[in-house]
Amino acid sequence: MDQKSIYNNGIDLIEINDYVIDDDGEYPTTTPTQPSSPSSTSSSSLSPSTTTTSSSSSSSPSSSLSFDPNKLPLVYASLETSVSVIAIIGNLLVIVVFLQDKRLRKVTNFYIISLSFADLLVGAIGIPSAIMTKIGLPRSSMKLCLTMLSLLIVLCTISILNLVAVSIDRYWAILHPLDYHKRISERTACFIICACWILGSVIGFLPLFGWRNEYRDSCYFIPTMNYNFLLFLYFVTIVFPAIIMAISYVRIYIVVVQQLTLNKV
């Protein structure tokens, strides 16, 4: 028997067939068409757009804030490569000029040459090592990884110690000129330079000798280095040198200003 139902909107007319049960008590194989209510129709018609809108609205902030980690190594490598090339060319020119011009072979310039040679090695070895460890290379060898990281620390530490030596040399030469010329010779300068290189090597190779974290199949700097070693390195290569150089150059500045004032009077 057919039934007709008219919705309140007066638009659709839907015929509904009664369920007919067979003599065996089973339902027929064909499923009768059932009317869908206006609420379900409207919800089903609106659900895709709502889902699309919500998904698009939720995905748009994430897509705008998304970060591609592969872009960082490229930019980082480009900048580091530029610094490396400039460091190699610039310091190589300084060394060549020093060797060719005998007038520049003064005790004070020995520290400058040592600094230039250290910076040359930073550009040639240290920066390429930093680029490789930035992406976790090498992963196959723990010793090679630690050697690269240690060389990076060694060269940077030697460069900083040479800067400290230059500041102390200038402080002594300007504030105590008579005593400076009596005590400081080429041999003394070479001894101080060798001390900077030896001390920098000892500090930098400490991770290779065991002061490090466990190797985790990736050669990243921070995870590989021990926290206590990084704290020690921070004070030895940044805080203390900065204090020494600041005191030296402030004292030099004060003396120079006083001399200029006396000359004007």
C-alpha atoms as a PDB file:
ATOM      1  CA  MET A   1       0.000   0.000   0.000  1.00  0.00           C
ATOM      2  CA  ASP A   2       1.373   3.414  -0.969  1.00  0.00           C
ATOM      3  CA  GLN A   3       1.501   6.350   1.371  1.00  0.00           C
ATOM      4  CA  LYS A   4       2.030   9.924   0.376  1.00  0.00           C
ATOM      5  CA  SER A   5       3.550  12.479   2.628  1.00  0.00           C
ATOM      6  CA  ILE A   6       3.820  16.123   1.860  1.00  0.00           C
ATOM      7  CA  TYR A   7       6.512  18.160   3.545  1.00  0.00           C
ATOM      8  CA  ASN A   8       5.630  21.483   5.199  1.00  0.00           C
ATOM      9  CA  ASN A   9       7.447  23.414   2.498  1.00  0.00           C
ATOM     10  CA  GLY A  10       4.976  22.084  -0.090  1.00  0.00           C
ATOM     11  CA  ILE A  11       7.646  21.391  -2.709  1.00  0.00           C
ATOM     12  CA  ASP A  12       8.573  17.690  -2.717  1.00  0.00           C
ATOM     13  CA  LEU A  13       6.195  14.748  -3.000  1.00  0.00           C
ATOM     14  CA  ILE A  14       7.752  11.461  -2.027  1.00  0.00           C
ATOM     15  CA  GLU A  15       6.187   8.052  -2.374  1.00  0.00           C
ATOM     16  CA  ILE A  16       6.969   5.573   0.317  1.00  0.00           C
ATOM     17  CA  ASN A  17       6.399   1.843  -0.097  1.00  0.00           C
ATOM     18  CA  ASP A  18       5.499  -0.217   2.897  1.00  0.00           C
ATOM     19  CA  TYR A  19       7.858  -2.940   3.931  1.00  0.00           C
ATOM     20  CA  VAL A  20       6.631  -6.293   2.649  1.00  0.00           C
ATOM     21  CA  ILE A  21       7.755  -9.312   4.579  1.00  0.00           C
ATOM     22  CA  ASP A  22       7.995 -12.573   2.749  1.00  0.00           C
ATOM     23  CA  ASP A  23       6.424 -15.714   3.945  1.00  0.00           C
ATOM     24  CA  ASP A  24       9.826 -16.808   5.212  1.00  0.00           C
ATOM     25  CA  GLY A  25       9.926 -13.742   7.476  1.00  0.00           C
ATOM     26  CA  GLU A  26      12.780 -12.114   5.540  1.00  0.00           C
ATOM     27  CA  TYR A  27      12.917  -8.633   4.145  1.00  0.00           C
ATOM     28  CA  PRO A  28      13.013  -8.176   0.377  1.00  0.00           C
ATOM     29  CA  THR A  29      16.384  -7.796  -1.297  1.00  0.00           C
ATOM     30  CA  THR A  30      15.574  -4.325  -2.607  1.00  0.00           C
ATOM     31  CA  THR A  31      15.768  -1.619  -0.003  1.00  0.00           C
ATOM     32  CA  PRO A  32      12.797   0.717  -0.066  1.00  0.00           C
ATOM     33  CA  THR A  33      13.378   4.384  -0.515  1.00  0.00           C
ATOM     34  CA  GLN A  34      12.984   6.329   2.706  1.00  0.00           C
ATOM     35  CA  PRO A  35      12.356   9.992   2.895  1.00  0.00           C
ATOM     36  CA  SER A  36      14.993  12.133   4.374  1.00  0.00           C
ATOM     37  CA  SER A  37      13.908  14.786   6.747  1.00  0.00           C
ATOM     38  CA  PRO A  38      14.532  18.420   5.941  1.00  0.00           C
ATOM     39  CA  SER A  39      16.961  18.705   8.806  1.00  0.00           C
ATOM     40  CA  SER A  40      19.034  15.747   7.621  1.00  0.00           C
ATOM     41  CA  THR A  41      18.896  16.979   4.030  1.00  0.00           C
ATOM     42  CA  SER A  42      20.029  20.399   5.001  1.00  0.00           C
ATOM     43  CA  SER A  43      22.709  19.020   7.305  1.00  0.00           C
ATOM     44  CA  SER A  44      24.005  16.656   4.633  1.00  0.00           C
ATOM     45  CA  SER A  45      24.056  19.383   2.041  1.00  0.00           C
ATOM     46  CA  LEU A  46      25.818  21.750   4.383  1.00  0.00           C
ATOM     47  CA  SER A  47      28.249  19.326   5.940  1.00  0.00           C
ATOM     48  CA  PRO A  48      30.698  19.153   3.009  1.00  0.00           C
ATOM     49  CA  SER A  49      30.966  22.899   2.752  1.00  0.00           C
ATOM     50  CA  THR A  50      31.245  23.223   6.490  1.00  0.00           C
ATOM     51  CA  THR A  51      33.929  20.591   6.597  1.00  0.00           C
ATOM     52  CA  THR A  52      35.733  22.183   3.707  1.00  0.00           C
ATOM     53  CA  THR A  53      35.518  25.595   5.303  1.00  0.00           C
ATOM     54  CA  SER A  54      36.711  24.354   8.653  1.00  0.00           C
ATOM     55  CA  SER A  55      39.510  22.353   7.133  1.00  0.00           C
ATOM     56  CA  SER A  56      40.596  25.224   4.958  1.00  0.00           C
ATOM     57  CA  SER A  57      40.394  27.635   7.855  1.00  0.00           C
ATOM     58  CA  SER A  58      42.340  25.295  10.088  1.00  0.00           C
ATOM     59  CA  SER A  59      44.919  24.507   7.447  1.00  0.00           C
ATOM     60  CA  SER A  60      45.517  28.055   6.320  1.00  0.00           C
ATOM     61  CA  PRO A  61      47.223  29.220   9.539  1.00  0.00           C
ATOM     62  CA  SER A  62      49.366  26.127   9.665  1.00  0.00           C
ATOM     63  CA  SER A  63      50.338  26.514   6.048  1.00  0.00           C
ATOM     64  CA  SER A  64      51.190  30.150   6.587  1.00  0.00           C
ATOM     65  CA  LEU A  65      53.219  29.307   9.678  1.00  0.00           C
ATOM     66  CA  SER A  66      54.748  26.158   8.251  1.00  0.00           C
ATOM     67  CA  PHE A  67      58.544  26.045   8.097  1.00  0.00           C
ATOM     68  CA  ASP A  68      60.566  24.034   5.687  1.00  0.00           C
ATOM     69  CA  PRO A  69      63.698  22.827   7.493  1.00  0.00           C
ATOM     70  CA  ASN A  70      65.437  22.136   4.199  1.00  0.00           C
ATOM     71  CA  LYS A  71      65.635  25.871   3.466  1.00  0.00           C
ATOM     72  CA  LEU A  72      67.712  26.657   6.559  1.00  0.00           C
ATOM     73  CA  PRO A  73      70.768  24.582   5.647  1.00  0.00           C
ATOM     74  CA  LEU A  74      70.839  26.142   2.176  1.00  0.00           C
ATOM     75  CA  VAL A  75      70.728  29.710   3.468  1.00  0.00           C
ATOM     76  CA  TYR A  76      73.090  28.870   6.296  1.00  0.00           C
ATOM     77  CA  ALA A  77      75.525  27.139   3.955  1.00  0.00           C
ATOM     78  CA  SER A  78      75.455  30.069   1.516  1.00  0.00           C
ATOM     79  CA  LEU A  79      76.216  32.618   4.222  1.00  0.00           C
ATOM     80  CA  GLU A  80      78.883  30.474   5.817  1.00  0.00           C
ATOM     81  CA  THR A  81      80.498  29.799   2.450  1.00  0.00           C
ATOM     82  CA  SER A  82      80.655  33.538   1.748  1.00  0.00           C
ATOM     83  CA  VAL A  83      82.274  34.170   5.127  1.00  0.00           C
ATOM     84  CA  SER A  84      84.703  31.316   4.494  1.00  0.00           C
ATOM     85  CA  VAL A  85      85.812  32.689   1.125  1.00  0.00           C
ATOM     86  CA  ILE A  86      86.247  36.209   2.524  1.00  0.00           C
ATOM     87  CA  ALA A  87      88.202  34.891   5.523  1.00  0.00           C
ATOM     88  CA  ILE A  88      90.527  32.816   3.358  1.00  0.00           C
ATOM     89  CA  ILE A  89      91.252  35.577   0.836  1.00  0.00           C
ATOM     90  CA  GLY A  90      91.581  38.388   3.392  1.00  0.00           C
ATOM     91  CA  ASN A  91      93.843  36.579   5.830  1.00  0.00           C
ATOM     92  CA  LEU A  92      95.923  35.101   3.033  1.00  0.00           C
ATOM     93  CA  LEU A  93      96.609  38.610   1.756  1.00  0.00           C
ATOM     94  CA  VAL A  94      97.660  39.727   5.245  1.00  0.00           C
ATOM     95  CA  ILE A  95     100.117  36.836   5.544  1.00  0.00           C
ATOM     96  CA  VAL A  96     101.576  37.441   2.067  1.00  0.00           C
ATOM     97  CA  VAL A  97     102.078  41.152   2.739  1.00  0.00           C
ATOM     98  CA  PHE A  98     103.751  40.399   6.073  1.00  0.00           C
ATOM     99  CA  LEU A  99     106.155  37.943   4.482  1.00  0.00           C
ATOM    100  CA  GLN A 100     107.066  40.244   1.599  1.00  0.00           C
ATOM    101  CA  ASP A 101     107.487  43.485   3.539  1.00  0.00           C
ATOM    102  CA  LYS A 102     110.295  43.221   6.085  1.00  0.00           C
ATOM    103  CA  ARG A 103     109.297  46.506   7.706  1.00  0.00           C
ATOM    104  CA  LEU A 104     106.152  44.837   9.045  1.00  0.00           C
ATOM    105  CA  ARG A 105     108.085  42.156  10.891  1.00  0.00           C
ATOM    106  CA  LYS A 106     107.722  43.739  14.289  1.00  0.00           C
ATOM    107  CA  VAL A 107     106.954  42.013  17.568  1.00  0.00           C
ATOM    108  CA  THR A 108     103.450  43.444  17.691  1.00  0.00           C
ATOM    109  CA  ASN A 109     102.621  42.168  14.227  1.00  0.00           C
ATOM    110  CA  PHE A 110     103.555  38.624  15.191  1.00  0.00           C
ATOM    111  CA  TYR A 111     100.270  38.366  17.057  1.00  0.00           C
ATOM    112  CA  ILE A 112      98.436  39.727  14.024  1.00  0.00           C
ATOM    113  CA  ILE A 113      99.989  37.065  11.790  1.00  0.00           C
ATOM    114  CA  SER A 114      99.118  34.355  14.291  1.00  0.00           C
ATOM    115  CA  LEU A 115      95.544  35.648  14.373  1.00  0.00           C
ATOM    116  CA  SER A 116      95.409  35.776  10.569  1.00  0.00           C
ATOM    117  CA  PHE A 117      96.674  32.213  10.277  1.00  0.00           C
ATOM    118  CA  ALA A 118      94.114  31.004  12.820  1.00  0.00           C
ATOM    119  CA  ASP A 119      91.308  32.804  10.998  1.00  0.00           C
ATOM    120  CA  LEU A 120      92.552  31.375   7.703  1.00  0.00           C
ATOM    121  CA  LEU A 121      92.186  27.870   9.129  1.00  0.00           C
ATOM    122  CA  VAL A 122      88.746  28.769  10.481  1.00  0.00           C
ATOM    123  CA  GLY A 123      87.672  29.710   6.972  1.00  0.00           C
ATOM    124  CA  ALA A 124      89.295  26.691   5.342  1.00  0.00           C
ATOM    125  CA  ILE A 125      88.478  23.993   7.917  1.00  0.00           C
ATOM    126  CA  GLY A 126      86.247  25.331  10.686  1.00  0.00           C
ATOM    127  CA  ILE A 127      83.412  26.741   8.593  1.00  0.00           C
ATOM    128  CA  PRO A 128      83.102  23.675   6.304  1.00  0.00           C
ATOM    129  CA  SER A 129      82.974  21.541   9.452  1.00  0.00           C
ATOM    130  CA  ALA A 130      80.247  23.780  10.862  1.00  0.00           C
ATOM    131  CA  ILE A 131      78.211  23.432   7.659  1.00  0.00           C
ATOM    132  CA  MET A 132      78.440  19.643   7.747  1.00  0.00           C
ATOM    133  CA  THR A 133      77.550  19.362  11.424  1.00  0.00           C
ATOM    134  CA  LYS A 134      74.614  21.701  10.866  1.00  0.00           C
ATOM    135  CA  ILE A 135      72.915  18.894   8.920  1.00  0.00           C
ATOM    136  CA  GLY A 136      74.200  16.162  11.223  1.00  0.00           C
ATOM    137  CA  LEU A 137      77.096  14.907   9.104  1.00  0.00           C
ATOM    138  CA  PRO A 138      79.049  12.697   9.338  1.00  0.00           C
ATOM    139  CA  ARG A 139      76.771   9.992  10.740  1.00  0.00           C
ATOM    140  CA  SER A 140      78.931   6.954  10.021  1.00  0.00           C
ATOM    141  CA  SER A 141      81.946   7.690  12.239  1.00  0.00           C
ATOM    142  CA  MET A 142      81.897   8.958  15.807  1.00  0.00           C
ATOM    143  CA  LYS A 143      85.631   9.757  15.789  1.00  0.00           C
ATOM    144  CA  LEU A 144      85.362  11.769  12.588  1.00  0.00           C
ATOM    145  CA  CYS A 145      82.396  13.677  13.987  1.00  0.00           C
ATOM    146  CA  LEU A 146      84.201  14.500  17.231  1.00  0.00           C
ATOM    147  CA  THR A 147      87.360  15.446  15.335  1.00  0.00           C
ATOM    148  CA  MET A 148      85.448  17.921  13.168  1.00  0.00           C
ATOM    149  CA  LEU A 149      83.642  19.439  16.151  1.00  0.00           C
ATOM    150  CA  SER A 150      86.873  19.633  18.144  1.00  0.00           C
ATOM    151  CA  LEU A 151      88.739  21.298  15.267  1.00  0.00           C
ATOM    152  CA  LEU A 152      85.995  23.890  15.029  1.00  0.00           C
ATOM    153  CA  ILE A 153      86.332  24.648  18.748  1.00  0.00           C
ATOM    154  CA  VAL A 154      90.148  24.586  18.626  1.00  0.00           C
ATOM    155  CA  LEU A 155      90.447  27.090  15.782  1.00  0.00           C
ATOM    156  CA  CYS A 156      87.870  29.479  17.216  1.00  0.00           C
ATOM    157  CA  THR A 157      89.480  29.295  20.661  1.00  0.00           C
ATOM    158  CA  ILE A 158      92.955  29.969  19.237  1.00  0.00           C
ATOM    159  CA  SER A 159      91.585  32.951  17.334  1.00  0.00           C
ATOM    160  CA  ILE A 160      90.027  34.371  20.504  1.00  0.00           C
ATOM    161  CA  LEU A 161      93.193  33.804  22.542  1.00  0.00           C
ATOM    162  CA  ASN A 162      95.202  35.644  19.900  1.00  0.00           C
ATOM    163  CA  LEU A 163      92.799  38.569  20.192  1.00  0.00           C
ATOM    164  CA  VAL A 164      93.403  38.583  23.938  1.00  0.00           C
ATOM    165  CA  ALA A 165      97.166  38.489  23.344  1.00  0.00           C
ATOM    166  CA  VAL A 166      96.916  41.472  20.985  1.00  0.00           C
ATOM    167  CA  SER A 167      94.928  43.493  23.534  1.00  0.00           C
ATOM    168  CA  ILE A 168      97.382  42.712  26.356  1.00  0.00           C
ATOM    169  CA  ASP A 169     100.349  43.511  24.102  1.00  0.00           C
ATOM    170  CA  ARG A 170      98.871  46.886  23.178  1.00  0.00           C
ATOM    171  CA  TYR A 171      97.999  47.608  26.796  1.00  0.00           C
ATOM    172  CA  TRP A 172     101.546  46.869  27.918  1.00  0.00           C
ATOM    173  CA  ALA A 173     103.157  48.794  25.047  1.00  0.00           C
ATOM    174  CA  ILE A 174     101.092  51.958  25.599  1.00  0.00           C
ATOM    175  CA  LEU A 175     100.823  52.062  29.388  1.00  0.00           C
ATOM    176  CA  HIS A 176     104.306  50.709  30.161  1.00  0.00           C
ATOM    177  CA  PRO A 177     106.423  51.478  27.079  1.00  0.00           C
ATOM    178  CA  LEU A 178     109.838  51.322  28.751  1.00  0.00           C
ATOM    179  CA  ASP A 179     109.188  48.040  30.482  1.00  0.00           C
ATOM    180  CA  TYR A 180     107.608  46.679  27.297  1.00  0.00           C
ATOM    181  CA  HIS A 181     110.706  47.230  25.162  1.00  0.00           C
ATOM    182  CA  LYS A 182     112.945  45.693  27.827  1.00  0.00           C
ATOM    183  CA  ARG A 183     110.939  42.527  28.371  1.00  0.00           C
ATOM    184  CA  ILE A 184     109.153  41.808  25.095  1.00  0.00           C
ATOM    185  CA  SER A 185     111.224  40.375  22.266  1.00  0.00           C
ATOM    186  CA  GLU A 186     110.550  38.219  19.242  1.00  0.00           C
ATOM    187  CA  ARG A 187     111.297  35.146  21.306  1.00  0.00           C
ATOM    188  CA  THR A 188     108.825  36.215  23.996  1.00  0.00           C
ATOM    189  CA  ALA A 189     106.147  36.912  21.403  1.00  0.00           C
ATOM    190  CA  CYS A 190     106.675  33.499  19.808  1.00  0.00           C
ATOM    191  CA  PHE A 191     106.413  31.873  23.230  1.00  0.00           C
ATOM    192  CA  ILE A 192     103.110  33.647  23.939  1.00  0.00           C
ATOM    193  CA  ILE A 193     101.772  32.688  20.508  1.00  0.00           C
ATOM    194  CA  CYS A 194     102.720  29.043  21.023  1.00  0.00           C
ATOM    195  CA  ALA A 195     101.011  29.139  24.422  1.00  0.00           C
ATOM    196  CA  CYS A 196      97.825  30.408  22.752  1.00  0.00           C
ATOM    197  CA  TRP A 197      97.882  27.587  20.222  1.00  0.00           C
ATOM    198  CA  ILE A 198      98.630  24.891  22.792  1.00  0.00           C
ATOM    199  CA  LEU A 199      95.995  26.132  25.248  1.00  0.00           C
ATOM    200  CA  GLY A 200      93.407  26.435  22.477  1.00  0.00           C
ATOM    201  CA  SER A 201      94.165  22.911  21.290  1.00  0.00           C
ATOM    202  CA  VAL A 202      93.850  21.465  24.793  1.00  0.00           C
ATOM    203  CA  ILE A 203      90.506  23.180  25.364  1.00  0.00           C
ATOM    204  CA  GLY A 204      89.123  22.309  21.947  1.00  0.00           C
ATOM    205  CA  PHE A 205      90.057  18.630  22.005  1.00  0.00           C
ATOM    206  CA  LEU A 206      88.466  17.935  25.393  1.00  0.00           C
ATOM    207  CA  PRO A 207      85.321  16.454  23.742  1.00  0.00           C
ATOM    208  CA  LEU A 208      87.514  14.092  21.742  1.00  0.00           C
ATOM    209  CA  PHE A 209      89.112  12.928  24.994  1.00  0.00           C
ATOM    210  CA  GLY A 210      85.767  12.067  26.591  1.00  0.00           C
ATOM    211  CA  TRP A 211      84.052  15.252  27.807  1.00  0.00           C
ATOM    212  CA  ARG A 212      80.958  14.815  25.635  1.00  0.00           C
ATOM    213  CA  ASN A 213      77.548  13.181  25.443  1.00  0.00           C
ATOM    214  CA  GLU A 214      76.872   9.753  23.995  1.00  0.00           C
ATOM    215  CA  TYR A 215      76.988   9.551  20.203  1.00  0.00           C
ATOM    216  CA  ARG A 216      73.500   9.212  18.695  1.00  0.00           C
ATOM    217  CA  ASP A 217      74.182   8.522  15.013  1.00  0.00           C
ATOM    218  CA  SER A 218      74.044  12.238  14.185  1.00  0.00           C
ATOM    219  CA  CYS A 219      76.815  14.813  14.386  1.00  0.00           C
ATOM    220  CA  TYR A 220      74.886  17.831  15.674  1.00  0.00           C
ATOM    221  CA  PHE A 221      76.903  20.230  17.810  1.00  0.00           C
ATOM    222  CA  ILE A 222      74.613  20.843  20.801  1.00  0.00           C
ATOM    223  CA  PRO A 223      73.382  17.240  21.329  1.00  0.00           C
ATOM    224  CA  THR A 224      76.932  15.900  21.046  1.00  0.00           C
ATOM    225  CA  MET A 225      78.534  18.401  23.420  1.00  0.00           C
ATOM    226  CA  ASN A 226      78.229  17.999  27.168  1.00  0.00           C
ATOM    227  CA  TYR A 227      76.359  20.803  28.931  1.00  0.00           C
ATOM    228  CA  ASN A 228      79.099  21.337  31.521  1.00  0.00           C
ATOM    229  CA  PHE A 229      81.697  21.553  28.758  1.00  0.00           C
ATOM    230  CA  LEU A 230      79.616  24.147  26.901  1.00  0.00           C
ATOM    231  CA  LEU A 231      79.322  26.158  30.111  1.00  0.00           C
ATOM    232  CA  PHE A 232      83.075  25.900  30.637  1.00  0.00           C
ATOM    233  CA  LEU A 233      83.697  26.880  27.015  1.00  0.00           C
ATOM    234  CA  TYR A 234      81.365  29.865  27.343  1.00  0.00           C
ATOM    235  CA  PHE A 235      83.338  31.353  30.222  1.00  0.00           C
ATOM    236  CA  VAL A 236      86.797  30.478  28.888  1.00  0.00           C
ATOM    237  CA  THR A 237      86.288  31.668  25.311  1.00  0.00           C
ATOM    238  CA  ILE A 238      83.679  34.418  25.675  1.00  0.00           C
ATOM    239  CA  VAL A 239      83.239  35.866  29.169  1.00  0.00           C
ATOM    240  CA  PHE A 240      86.827  36.024  30.420  1.00  0.00           C
ATOM    241  CA  PRO A 241      88.350  37.164  27.085  1.00  0.00           C
ATOM    242  CA  ALA A 242      85.665  39.828  26.741  1.00  0.00           C
ATOM    243  CA  ILE A 243      86.415  41.153  30.232  1.00  0.00           C
ATOM    244  CA  ILE A 244      90.178  41.192  29.646  1.00  0.00           C
ATOM    245  CA  MET A 245      89.889  42.923  26.266  1.00  0.00           C
ATOM    246  CA  ALA A 246      87.350  45.430  27.581  1.00  0.00           C
ATOM    247  CA  ILE A 247      89.592  46.403  30.507  1.00  0.00           C
ATOM    248  CA  SER A 248      92.668  46.643  28.276  1.00  0.00           C
ATOM    249  CA  TYR A 249      91.093  48.827  25.611  1.00  0.00           C
ATOM    250  CA  VAL A 250      89.266  51.030  28.106  1.00  0.00           C
ATOM    251  CA  ARG A 251      92.555  51.712  29.870  1.00  0.00           C
ATOM    252  CA  ILE A 252      94.229  52.400  26.520  1.00  0.00           C
ATOM    253  CA  TYR A 253      91.424  54.795  25.591  1.00  0.00           C
ATOM    254  CA  ILE A 254      91.755  56.669  28.879  1.00  0.00           C
ATOM    255  CA  VAL A 255      95.512  57.062  28.478  1.00  0.00           C
ATOM    256  CA  VAL A 256      95.178  58.237  24.866  1.00  0.00           C
ATOM    257  CA  VAL A 257      92.551  60.816  25.836  1.00  0.00           C
ATOM    258  CA  GLN A 258      94.752  62.079  28.662  1.00  0.00           C
ATOM    259  CA  GLN A 259      97.729  62.425  26.328  1.00  0.00           C
ATOM    260  CA  LEU A 260      95.653  64.315  23.773  1.00  0.00           C
ATOM    261  CA  THR A 261      94.388  66.644  26.490  1.00  0.00           C
ATOM    262  CA  LEU A 262      97.918  67.363  27.707  1.00  0.00           C
ATOM    263  CA  ASN A 263      99.116  68.056  24.171  1.00  0.00           C
ATOM    264  CA  LYS A 264      96.340  70.583  23.629  1.00  0.00           C
ATOM    265  CA  VAL A 265      97.224  72.394  26.849  1.00  0.00           C
END
